[in-house]
Amino acid sequence: AVVVFNVMAHKKQNMDPVQIDAVLWTPQRCVAIEVKGF
């Protein structure tokens, strides 16, 4: 598995990026992870 933290992603060109806390890639799937604290 590979995990990358603090990822800036774009849905379309010329759009503001979306910050994702972590993206996890495995041979089976890709998961976006957003971490929240109480």
PDB file of all heavy atoms in Angstrom:
ATOM      1  N   ALA A   1       0.854  -1.188   0.000  1.00  0.00           N
ATOM      2  CA  ALA A   1       0.000   0.000   0.000  1.00  0.00           C
ATOM      3  C   ALA A   1       0.888   1.235   0.000  1.00  0.00           C
ATOM      4  O   ALA A   1       2.023   1.197   0.464  1.00  0.00           O
ATOM      5  CB  ALA A   1      -0.911   0.001   1.221  1.00  0.00           C
ATOM      6  N   VAL A   2       0.353   2.319  -0.545  1.00  0.00           N
ATOM      7  CA  VAL A   2       1.040   3.606  -0.555  1.00  0.00           C
ATOM      8  C   VAL A   2       0.066   4.635  -0.013  1.00  0.00           C
ATOM      9  O   VAL A   2      -1.106   4.656  -0.385  1.00  0.00           O
ATOM     10  CB  VAL A   2       1.473   3.999  -1.990  1.00  0.00           C
ATOM     11  CG1 VAL A   2       2.054   5.405  -2.013  1.00  0.00           C
ATOM     12  CG2 VAL A   2       2.462   2.992  -2.541  1.00  0.00           C
ATOM     13  N   VAL A   3       0.558   5.506   0.875  1.00  0.00           N
ATOM     14  CA  VAL A   3      -0.266   6.589   1.380  1.00  0.00           C
ATOM     15  C   VAL A   3       0.473   7.908   1.155  1.00  0.00           C
ATOM     16  O   VAL A   3       1.681   7.994   1.343  1.00  0.00           O
ATOM     17  CB  VAL A   3      -0.645   6.397   2.867  1.00  0.00           C
ATOM     18  CG1 VAL A   3       0.572   6.431   3.766  1.00  0.00           C
ATOM     19  CG2 VAL A   3      -1.685   7.402   3.302  1.00  0.00           C
ATOM     20  N   VAL A   4      -0.274   8.920   0.702  1.00  0.00           N
ATOM     21  CA  VAL A   4       0.270  10.258   0.479  1.00  0.00           C
ATOM     22  C   VAL A   4      -0.574  11.213   1.324  1.00  0.00           C
ATOM     23  O   VAL A   4      -1.802  11.147   1.307  1.00  0.00           O
ATOM     24  CB  VAL A   4       0.201  10.649  -1.011  1.00  0.00           C
ATOM     25  CG1 VAL A   4       0.752  12.041  -1.224  1.00  0.00           C
ATOM     26  CG2 VAL A   4       0.957   9.637  -1.858  1.00  0.00           C
ATOM     27  N   PHE A   5       0.101  12.105   2.053  1.00  0.00           N
ATOM     28  CA  PHE A   5      -0.590  13.024   2.948  1.00  0.00           C
ATOM     29  C   PHE A   5      -0.669  14.428   2.354  1.00  0.00           C
ATOM     30  O   PHE A   5       0.180  14.835   1.578  1.00  0.00           O
ATOM     31  CB  PHE A   5       0.138  13.081   4.298  1.00  0.00           C
ATOM     32  CG  PHE A   5       0.119  11.767   5.028  1.00  0.00           C
ATOM     33  CD1 PHE A   5       1.175  10.887   4.904  1.00  0.00           C
ATOM     34  CD2 PHE A   5      -0.966  11.418   5.809  1.00  0.00           C
ATOM     35  CE1 PHE A   5       1.166   9.671   5.564  1.00  0.00           C
ATOM     36  CE2 PHE A   5      -0.989  10.200   6.468  1.00  0.00           C
ATOM     37  CZ  PHE A   5       0.084   9.325   6.346  1.00  0.00           C
ATOM     38  N   ASN A   6      -1.718  15.165   2.767  1.00  0.00           N
ATOM     39  CA  ASN A   6      -1.941  16.555   2.383  1.00  0.00           C
ATOM     40  C   ASN A   6      -1.949  16.712   0.858  1.00  0.00           C
ATOM     41  O   ASN A   6      -1.168  17.457   0.280  1.00  0.00           O
ATOM     42  CB  ASN A   6      -0.903  17.478   3.024  1.00  0.00           C
ATOM     43  CG  ASN A   6      -1.350  18.908   3.015  1.00  0.00           C
ATOM     44  OD1 ASN A   6      -2.532  19.209   2.958  1.00  0.00           O
ATOM     45  ND2 ASN A   6      -0.396  19.820   3.062  1.00  0.00           N
ATOM     46  N   VAL A   7      -2.883  16.045   0.220  1.00  0.00           N
ATOM     47  CA  VAL A   7      -2.999  16.014  -1.236  1.00  0.00           C
ATOM     48  C   VAL A   7      -3.897  17.147  -1.711  1.00  0.00           C
ATOM     49  O   VAL A   7      -4.991  17.348  -1.187  1.00  0.00           O
ATOM     50  CB  VAL A   7      -3.579  14.654  -1.695  1.00  0.00           C
ATOM     51  CG1 VAL A   7      -3.803  14.637  -3.196  1.00  0.00           C
ATOM     52  CG2 VAL A   7      -2.686  13.519  -1.247  1.00  0.00           C
ATOM     53  N   MET A   8      -3.445  17.887  -2.711  1.00  0.00           N
ATOM     54  CA  MET A   8      -4.262  18.912  -3.343  1.00  0.00           C
ATOM     55  C   MET A   8      -4.780  18.316  -4.653  1.00  0.00           C
ATOM     56  O   MET A   8      -3.989  17.911  -5.508  1.00  0.00           O
ATOM     57  CB  MET A   8      -3.452  20.175  -3.607  1.00  0.00           C
ATOM     58  CG  MET A   8      -2.886  20.801  -2.338  1.00  0.00           C
ATOM     59  SD  MET A   8      -4.120  21.190  -1.080  1.00  0.00           S
ATOM     60  CE  MET A   8      -4.827  22.656  -1.753  1.00  0.00           C
ATOM     61  N   ALA A   9      -6.093  18.234  -4.799  1.00  0.00           N
ATOM     62  CA  ALA A   9      -6.700  17.593  -5.970  1.00  0.00           C
ATOM     63  C   ALA A   9      -7.608  18.572  -6.695  1.00  0.00           C
ATOM     64  O   ALA A   9      -8.216  19.451  -6.089  1.00  0.00           O
ATOM     65  CB  ALA A   9      -7.496  16.372  -5.525  1.00  0.00           C
ATOM     66  N   HIS A  10      -7.710  18.403  -8.008  1.00  0.00           N
ATOM     67  CA  HIS A  10      -8.583  19.221  -8.849  1.00  0.00           C
ATOM     68  C   HIS A  10      -9.610  18.317  -9.525  1.00  0.00           C
ATOM     69  O   HIS A  10      -9.263  17.256 -10.022  1.00  0.00           O
ATOM     70  CB  HIS A  10      -7.787  19.932  -9.946  1.00  0.00           C
ATOM     71  CG  HIS A  10      -6.809  20.929  -9.421  1.00  0.00           C
ATOM     72  ND1 HIS A  10      -7.125  22.252  -9.275  1.00  0.00           N
ATOM     73  CD2 HIS A  10      -5.534  20.793  -8.996  1.00  0.00           C
ATOM     74  CE1 HIS A  10      -6.083  22.897  -8.784  1.00  0.00           C
ATOM     75  NE2 HIS A  10      -5.103  22.038  -8.612  1.00  0.00           N
ATOM     76  N   LYS A  11     -10.861  18.736  -9.551  1.00  0.00           N
ATOM     77  CA  LYS A  11     -11.879  17.988 -10.280  1.00  0.00           C
ATOM     78  C   LYS A  11     -11.839  18.373 -11.753  1.00  0.00           C
ATOM     79  O   LYS A  11     -11.932  17.535 -12.626  1.00  0.00           O
ATOM     80  CB  LYS A  11     -13.258  18.248  -9.698  1.00  0.00           C
ATOM     81  CG  LYS A  11     -14.348  17.458 -10.388  1.00  0.00           C
ATOM     82  CD  LYS A  11     -15.684  17.656  -9.727  1.00  0.00           C
ATOM     83  CE  LYS A  11     -16.740  16.851 -10.444  1.00  0.00           C
ATOM     84  NZ  LYS A  11     -18.059  17.061  -9.874  1.00  0.00           N
ATOM     85  N   LYS A  12     -11.718  19.652 -12.028  1.00  0.00           N
ATOM     86  CA  LYS A  12     -11.667  20.171 -13.394  1.00  0.00           C
ATOM     87  C   LYS A  12     -10.616  21.259 -13.444  1.00  0.00           C
ATOM     88  O   LYS A  12     -10.259  21.851 -12.420  1.00  0.00           O
ATOM     89  CB  LYS A  12     -13.016  20.762 -13.806  1.00  0.00           C
ATOM     90  CG  LYS A  12     -14.137  19.755 -13.900  1.00  0.00           C
ATOM     91  CD  LYS A  12     -15.414  20.442 -14.331  1.00  0.00           C
ATOM     92  CE  LYS A  12     -16.559  19.448 -14.405  1.00  0.00           C
ATOM     93  NZ  LYS A  12     -17.816  20.090 -14.778  1.00  0.00           N
ATOM     94  N   GLN A  13     -10.151  21.540 -14.638  1.00  0.00           N
ATOM     95  CA  GLN A  13      -9.209  22.636 -14.802  1.00  0.00           C
ATOM     96  C   GLN A  13      -9.863  23.942 -14.380  1.00  0.00           C
ATOM     97  O   GLN A  13     -11.072  24.110 -14.476  1.00  0.00           O
ATOM     98  CB  GLN A  13      -8.751  22.743 -16.250  1.00  0.00           C
ATOM     99  CG  GLN A  13      -7.819  21.636 -16.669  1.00  0.00           C
ATOM    100  CD  GLN A  13      -7.350  21.816 -18.104  1.00  0.00           C
ATOM    101  OE1 GLN A  13      -7.950  22.541 -18.880  1.00  0.00           O
ATOM    102  NE2 GLN A  13      -6.267  21.144 -18.443  1.00  0.00           N
ATOM    103  N   ASN A  14      -9.050  24.864 -13.920  1.00  0.00           N
ATOM    104  CA  ASN A  14      -9.486  26.202 -13.513  1.00  0.00           C
ATOM    105  C   ASN A  14     -10.396  26.205 -12.290  1.00  0.00           C
ATOM    106  O   ASN A  14     -11.121  27.162 -12.057  1.00  0.00           O
ATOM    107  CB  ASN A  14     -10.173  26.941 -14.674  1.00  0.00           C
ATOM    108  CG  ASN A  14      -9.271  27.070 -15.869  1.00  0.00           C
ATOM    109  OD1 ASN A  14      -8.068  27.275 -15.718  1.00  0.00           O
ATOM    110  ND2 ASN A  14      -9.831  26.930 -17.045  1.00  0.00           N
ATOM    111  N   MET A  15     -10.413  25.128 -11.516  1.00  0.00           N
ATOM    112  CA  MET A  15     -11.173  25.101 -10.267  1.00  0.00           C
ATOM    113  C   MET A  15     -10.196  25.166  -9.113  1.00  0.00           C
ATOM    114  O   MET A  15      -9.060  24.718  -9.217  1.00  0.00           O
ATOM    115  CB  MET A  15     -12.007  23.822 -10.153  1.00  0.00           C
ATOM    116  CG  MET A  15     -13.190  23.763 -11.090  1.00  0.00           C
ATOM    117  SD  MET A  15     -14.206  22.309 -10.816  1.00  0.00           S
ATOM    118  CE  MET A  15     -14.872  22.647  -9.206  1.00  0.00           C
ATOM    119  N   ASP A  16     -10.635  25.741  -8.001  1.00  0.00           N
ATOM    120  CA  ASP A  16      -9.804  25.749  -6.809  1.00  0.00           C
ATOM    121  C   ASP A  16      -9.550  24.311  -6.372  1.00  0.00           C
ATOM    122  O   ASP A  16     -10.445  23.460  -6.445  1.00  0.00           O
ATOM    123  CB  ASP A  16     -10.489  26.506  -5.673  1.00  0.00           C
ATOM    124  CG  ASP A  16     -10.576  28.001  -5.941  1.00  0.00           C
ATOM    125  OD1 ASP A  16      -9.723  28.510  -6.701  1.00  0.00           O
ATOM    126  OD2 ASP A  16     -11.482  28.637  -5.392  1.00  0.00           O
ATOM    127  N   PRO A  17      -8.345  24.015  -5.901  1.00  0.00           N
ATOM    128  CA  PRO A  17      -8.056  22.647  -5.470  1.00  0.00           C
ATOM    129  C   PRO A  17      -8.788  22.306  -4.183  1.00  0.00           C
ATOM    130  O   PRO A  17      -9.186  23.185  -3.416  1.00  0.00           O
ATOM    131  CB  PRO A  17      -6.548  22.655  -5.258  1.00  0.00           C
ATOM    132  CG  PRO A  17      -6.213  24.077  -4.972  1.00  0.00           C
ATOM    133  CD  PRO A  17      -7.199  24.899  -5.755  1.00  0.00           C
ATOM    134  N   VAL A  18      -8.964  21.017  -3.962  1.00  0.00           N
ATOM    135  CA  VAL A  18      -9.550  20.476  -2.744  1.00  0.00           C
ATOM    136  C   VAL A  18      -8.421  19.801  -1.977  1.00  0.00           C
ATOM    137  O   VAL A  18      -7.670  19.022  -2.544  1.00  0.00           O
ATOM    138  CB  VAL A  18     -10.656  19.446  -3.079  1.00  0.00           C
ATOM    139  CG1 VAL A  18     -11.194  18.803  -1.824  1.00  0.00           C
ATOM    140  CG2 VAL A  18     -11.775  20.119  -3.848  1.00  0.00           C
ATOM    141  N   GLN A  19      -8.288  20.113  -0.688  1.00  0.00           N
ATOM    142  CA  GLN A  19      -7.242  19.511   0.123  1.00  0.00           C
ATOM    143  C   GLN A  19      -7.789  18.246   0.773  1.00  0.00           C
ATOM    144  O   GLN A  19      -8.849  18.262   1.391  1.00  0.00           O
ATOM    145  CB  GLN A  19      -6.757  20.498   1.190  1.00  0.00           C
ATOM    146  CG  GLN A  19      -5.554  20.045   1.980  1.00  0.00           C
ATOM    147  CD  GLN A  19      -5.932  19.285   3.237  1.00  0.00           C
ATOM    148  OE1 GLN A  19      -7.017  19.424   3.776  1.00  0.00           O
ATOM    149  NE2 GLN A  19      -5.024  18.455   3.703  1.00  0.00           N
ATOM    150  N   ILE A  20      -7.085  17.136   0.606  1.00  0.00           N
ATOM    151  CA  ILE A  20      -7.449  15.848   1.200  1.00  0.00           C
ATOM    152  C   ILE A  20      -6.330  15.469   2.162  1.00  0.00           C
ATOM    153  O   ILE A  20      -5.150  15.531   1.806  1.00  0.00           O
ATOM    154  CB  ILE A  20      -7.625  14.767   0.116  1.00  0.00           C
ATOM    155  CG1 ILE A  20      -8.681  15.195  -0.902  1.00  0.00           C
ATOM    156  CG2 ILE A  20      -7.992  13.428   0.746  1.00  0.00           C
ATOM    157  CD1 ILE A  20      -8.752  14.307  -2.133  1.00  0.00           C
ATOM    158  N   ASP A  21      -6.677  15.087   3.398  1.00  0.00           N
ATOM    159  CA  ASP A  21      -5.652  14.793   4.402  1.00  0.00           C
ATOM    160  C   ASP A  21      -4.742  13.648   3.992  1.00  0.00           C
ATOM    161  O   ASP A  21      -3.544  13.700   4.219  1.00  0.00           O
ATOM    162  CB  ASP A  21      -6.292  14.484   5.749  1.00  0.00           C
ATOM    163  CG  ASP A  21      -6.920  15.730   6.379  1.00  0.00           C
ATOM    164  OD1 ASP A  21      -6.544  16.844   5.984  1.00  0.00           O
ATOM    165  OD2 ASP A  21      -7.767  15.584   7.266  1.00  0.00           O
ATOM    166  N   ALA A  22      -5.295  12.605   3.394  1.00  0.00           N
ATOM    167  CA  ALA A  22      -4.470  11.475   2.961  1.00  0.00           C
ATOM    168  C   ALA A  22      -5.189  10.707   1.852  1.00  0.00           C
ATOM    169  O   ALA A  22      -6.417  10.670   1.811  1.00  0.00           O
ATOM    170  CB  ALA A  22      -4.184  10.532   4.125  1.00  0.00           C
ATOM    171  N   VAL A  23      -4.408  10.114   0.958  1.00  0.00           N
ATOM    172  CA  VAL A  23      -4.938   9.218  -0.068  1.00  0.00           C
ATOM    173  C   VAL A  23      -4.175   7.907   0.071  1.00  0.00           C
ATOM    174  O   VAL A  23      -2.943   7.889   0.082  1.00  0.00           O
ATOM    175  CB  VAL A  23      -4.783   9.798  -1.482  1.00  0.00           C
ATOM    176  CG1 VAL A  23      -5.278   8.801  -2.527  1.00  0.00           C
ATOM    177  CG2 VAL A  23      -5.533  11.113  -1.615  1.00  0.00           C
ATOM    178  N   LEU A  24      -4.910   6.816   0.207  1.00  0.00           N
ATOM    179  CA  LEU A  24      -4.334   5.479   0.373  1.00  0.00           C
ATOM    180  C   LEU A  24      -4.605   4.664  -0.876  1.00  0.00           C
ATOM    181  O   LEU A  24      -5.752   4.548  -1.310  1.00  0.00           O
ATOM    182  CB  LEU A  24      -4.966   4.790   1.588  1.00  0.00           C
ATOM    183  CG  LEU A  24      -4.652   3.314   1.791  1.00  0.00           C
ATOM    184  CD1 LEU A  24      -3.202   3.135   2.218  1.00  0.00           C
ATOM    185  CD2 LEU A  24      -5.598   2.703   2.807  1.00  0.00           C
ATOM    186  N   TRP A  25      -3.548   4.124  -1.490  1.00  0.00           N
ATOM    187  CA  TRP A  25      -3.675   3.245  -2.648  1.00  0.00           C
ATOM    188  C   TRP A  25      -3.270   1.837  -2.252  1.00  0.00           C
ATOM    189  O   TRP A  25      -2.224   1.630  -1.644  1.00  0.00           O
ATOM    190  CB  TRP A  25      -2.753   3.686  -3.792  1.00  0.00           C
ATOM    191  CG  TRP A  25      -3.212   4.861  -4.565  1.00  0.00           C
ATOM    192  CD1 TRP A  25      -4.091   4.870  -5.599  1.00  0.00           C
ATOM    193  CD2 TRP A  25      -2.796   6.215  -4.388  1.00  0.00           C
ATOM    194  NE1 TRP A  25      -4.248   6.141  -6.075  1.00  0.00           N
ATOM    195  CE2 TRP A  25      -3.460   6.989  -5.351  1.00  0.00           C
ATOM    196  CE3 TRP A  25      -1.919   6.850  -3.507  1.00  0.00           C
ATOM    197  CZ2 TRP A  25      -3.285   8.357  -5.460  1.00  0.00           C
ATOM    198  CZ3 TRP A  25      -1.744   8.207  -3.607  1.00  0.00           C
ATOM    199  CH2 TRP A  25      -2.424   8.940  -4.581  1.00  0.00           C
ATOM    200  N   THR A  26      -4.099   0.863  -2.597  1.00  0.00           N
ATOM    201  CA  THR A  26      -3.778  -0.555  -2.428  1.00  0.00           C
ATOM    202  C   THR A  26      -4.023  -1.212  -3.780  1.00  0.00           C
ATOM    203  O   THR A  26      -4.583  -0.588  -4.685  1.00  0.00           O
ATOM    204  CB  THR A  26      -4.677  -1.223  -1.361  1.00  0.00           C
ATOM    205  OG1 THR A  26      -6.006  -1.378  -1.884  1.00  0.00           O
ATOM    206  CG2 THR A  26      -4.715  -0.427  -0.063  1.00  0.00           C
ATOM    207  N   PRO A  27      -3.644  -2.471  -3.939  1.00  0.00           N
ATOM    208  CA  PRO A  27      -3.946  -3.147  -5.201  1.00  0.00           C
ATOM    209  C   PRO A  27      -5.455  -3.241  -5.485  1.00  0.00           C
ATOM    210  O   PRO A  27      -5.871  -3.361  -6.615  1.00  0.00           O
ATOM    211  CB  PRO A  27      -3.344  -4.537  -5.009  1.00  0.00           C
ATOM    212  CG  PRO A  27      -2.245  -4.337  -4.032  1.00  0.00           C
ATOM    213  CD  PRO A  27      -2.754  -3.275  -3.094  1.00  0.00           C
ATOM    214  N   GLN A  28      -6.288  -3.131  -4.441  1.00  0.00           N
ATOM    215  CA  GLN A  28      -7.735  -3.281  -4.612  1.00  0.00           C
ATOM    216  C   GLN A  28      -8.489  -1.965  -4.748  1.00  0.00           C
ATOM    217  O   GLN A  28      -9.570  -1.917  -5.318  1.00  0.00           O
ATOM    218  CB  GLN A  28      -8.351  -4.043  -3.417  1.00  0.00           C
ATOM    219  CG  GLN A  28      -7.912  -5.477  -3.294  1.00  0.00           C
ATOM    220  CD  GLN A  28      -6.542  -5.610  -2.645  1.00  0.00           C
ATOM    221  OE1 GLN A  28      -6.105  -4.758  -1.889  1.00  0.00           O
ATOM    222  NE2 GLN A  28      -5.841  -6.678  -2.968  1.00  0.00           N
ATOM    223  N   ARG A  29      -7.963  -0.850  -4.187  1.00  0.00           N
ATOM    224  CA  ARG A  29      -8.764   0.386  -4.160  1.00  0.00           C
ATOM    225  C   ARG A  29      -7.912   1.608  -3.884  1.00  0.00           C
ATOM    226  O   ARG A  29      -6.755   1.506  -3.505  1.00  0.00           O
ATOM    227  CB  ARG A  29      -9.862   0.284  -3.101  1.00  0.00           C
ATOM    228  CG  ARG A  29      -9.346   0.107  -1.680  1.00  0.00           C
ATOM    229  CD  ARG A  29     -10.411  -0.275  -0.680  1.00  0.00           C
ATOM    230  NE  ARG A  29     -11.249  -1.348  -1.103  1.00  0.00           N
ATOM    231  CZ  ARG A  29     -11.107  -2.622  -0.736  1.00  0.00           C
ATOM    232  NH1 ARG A  29     -10.165  -2.959   0.081  1.00  0.00           N
ATOM    233  NH2 ARG A  29     -11.927  -3.544  -1.168  1.00  0.00           N
ATOM    234  N   CYS A  30      -8.547   2.756  -4.042  1.00  0.00           N
ATOM    235  CA  CYS A  30      -7.967   4.052  -3.681  1.00  0.00           C
ATOM    236  C   CYS A  30      -8.957   4.719  -2.728  1.00  0.00           C
ATOM    237  O   CYS A  30     -10.151   4.780  -3.019  1.00  0.00           O
ATOM    238  CB  CYS A  30      -7.760   4.913  -4.928  1.00  0.00           C
ATOM    239  SG  CYS A  30      -7.141   6.552  -4.561  1.00  0.00           S
ATOM    240  N   VAL A  31      -8.482   5.196  -1.590  1.00  0.00           N
ATOM    241  CA  VAL A  31      -9.352   5.753  -0.559  1.00  0.00           C
ATOM    242  C   VAL A  31      -8.888   7.154  -0.186  1.00  0.00           C
ATOM    243  O   VAL A  31      -7.708   7.361   0.109  1.00  0.00           O
ATOM    244  CB  VAL A  31      -9.344   4.855   0.706  1.00  0.00           C
ATOM    245  CG1 VAL A  31     -10.237   5.424   1.784  1.00  0.00           C
ATOM    246  CG2 VAL A  31      -9.737   3.432   0.363  1.00  0.00           C
ATOM    247  N   ALA A  32      -9.806   8.120  -0.202  1.00  0.00           N
ATOM    248  CA  ALA A  32      -9.522   9.469   0.292  1.00  0.00           C
ATOM    249  C   ALA A  32      -9.860   9.493   1.775  1.00  0.00           C
ATOM    250  O   ALA A  32     -10.935   9.044   2.187  1.00  0.00           O
ATOM    251  CB  ALA A  32     -10.365  10.502  -0.445  1.00  0.00           C
ATOM    252  N   ILE A  33      -8.939  10.016   2.586  1.00  0.00           N
ATOM    253  CA  ILE A  33      -9.116  10.018   4.042  1.00  0.00           C
ATOM    254  C   ILE A  33      -9.121  11.457   4.539  1.00  0.00           C
ATOM    255  O   ILE A  33      -8.192  12.214   4.278  1.00  0.00           O
ATOM    256  CB  ILE A  33      -7.978   9.229   4.726  1.00  0.00           C
ATOM    257  CG1 ILE A  33      -7.948   7.794   4.191  1.00  0.00           C
ATOM    258  CG2 ILE A  33      -8.132   9.264   6.248  1.00  0.00           C
ATOM    259  CD1 ILE A  33      -6.699   7.028   4.575  1.00  0.00           C
ATOM    260  N   GLU A  34     -10.164  11.825   5.239  1.00  0.00           N
ATOM    261  CA  GLU A  34     -10.270  13.141   5.863  1.00  0.00           C
ATOM    262  C   GLU A  34     -10.282  12.917   7.372  1.00  0.00           C
ATOM    263  O   GLU A  34     -11.133  12.190   7.885  1.00  0.00           O
ATOM    264  CB  GLU A  34     -11.550  13.851   5.411  1.00  0.00           C
ATOM    265  CG  GLU A  34     -11.729  15.233   5.957  1.00  0.00           C
ATOM    266  CD  GLU A  34     -10.692  16.210   5.446  1.00  0.00           C
ATOM    267  OE1 GLU A  34     -10.154  16.026   4.336  1.00  0.00           O
ATOM    268  OE2 GLU A  34     -10.411  17.184   6.166  1.00  0.00           O
ATOM    269  N   VAL A  35      -9.337  13.500   8.079  1.00  0.00           N
ATOM    270  CA  VAL A  35      -9.198  13.290   9.519  1.00  0.00           C
ATOM    271  C   VAL A  35      -9.822  14.469  10.253  1.00  0.00           C
ATOM    272  O   VAL A  35      -9.536  15.624   9.945  1.00  0.00           O
ATOM    273  CB  VAL A  35      -7.706  13.151   9.903  1.00  0.00           C
ATOM    274  CG1 VAL A  35      -7.552  12.961  11.398  1.00  0.00           C
ATOM    275  CG2 VAL A  35      -7.063  12.003   9.131  1.00  0.00           C
ATOM    276  N   LYS A  36     -10.674  14.162  11.202  1.00  0.00           N
ATOM    277  CA  LYS A  36     -11.299  15.193  12.028  1.00  0.00           C
ATOM    278  C   LYS A  36     -11.051  14.865  13.490  1.00  0.00           C
ATOM    279  O   LYS A  36     -11.020  13.706  13.880  1.00  0.00           O
ATOM    280  CB  LYS A  36     -12.818  15.252  11.797  1.00  0.00           C
ATOM    281  CG  LYS A  36     -13.181  15.763  10.439  1.00  0.00           C
ATOM    282  CD  LYS A  36     -12.787  17.200  10.307  1.00  0.00           C
ATOM    283  CE  LYS A  36     -13.105  17.747   8.947  1.00  0.00           C
ATOM    284  NZ  LYS A  36     -12.305  18.890   8.620  1.00  0.00           N
ATOM    285  N   GLY A  37     -10.901  15.894  14.281  1.00  0.00           N
ATOM    286  CA  GLY A  37     -10.727  15.711  15.717  1.00  0.00           C
ATOM    287  C   GLY A  37     -11.916  16.274  16.469  1.00  0.00           C
ATOM    288  O   GLY A  37     -12.597  17.188  16.010  1.00  0.00           O
ATOM    289  N   PHE A  38     -12.165  15.705  17.628  1.00  0.00           N
ATOM    290  CA  PHE A  38     -13.222  16.212  18.488  1.00  0.00           C
ATOM    291  C   PHE A  38     -12.737  17.464  19.194  1.00  0.00           C
ATOM    292  O   PHE A  38     -11.572  17.572  19.570  1.00  0.00           O
ATOM    293  CB  PHE A  38     -13.647  15.155  19.506  1.00  0.00           C
ATOM    294  CG  PHE A  38     -14.454  14.045  18.917  1.00  0.00           C
ATOM    295  CD1 PHE A  38     -13.850  12.881  18.479  1.00  0.00           C
ATOM    296  CD2 PHE A  38     -15.824  14.172  18.778  1.00  0.00           C
ATOM    297  CE1 PHE A  38     -14.594  11.866  17.916  1.00  0.00           C
ATOM    298  CE2 PHE A  38     -16.571  13.163  18.212  1.00  0.00           C
ATOM    299  CZ  PHE A  38     -15.959  12.008  17.784  1.00  0.00           C
TER     300      PHE A  38
END
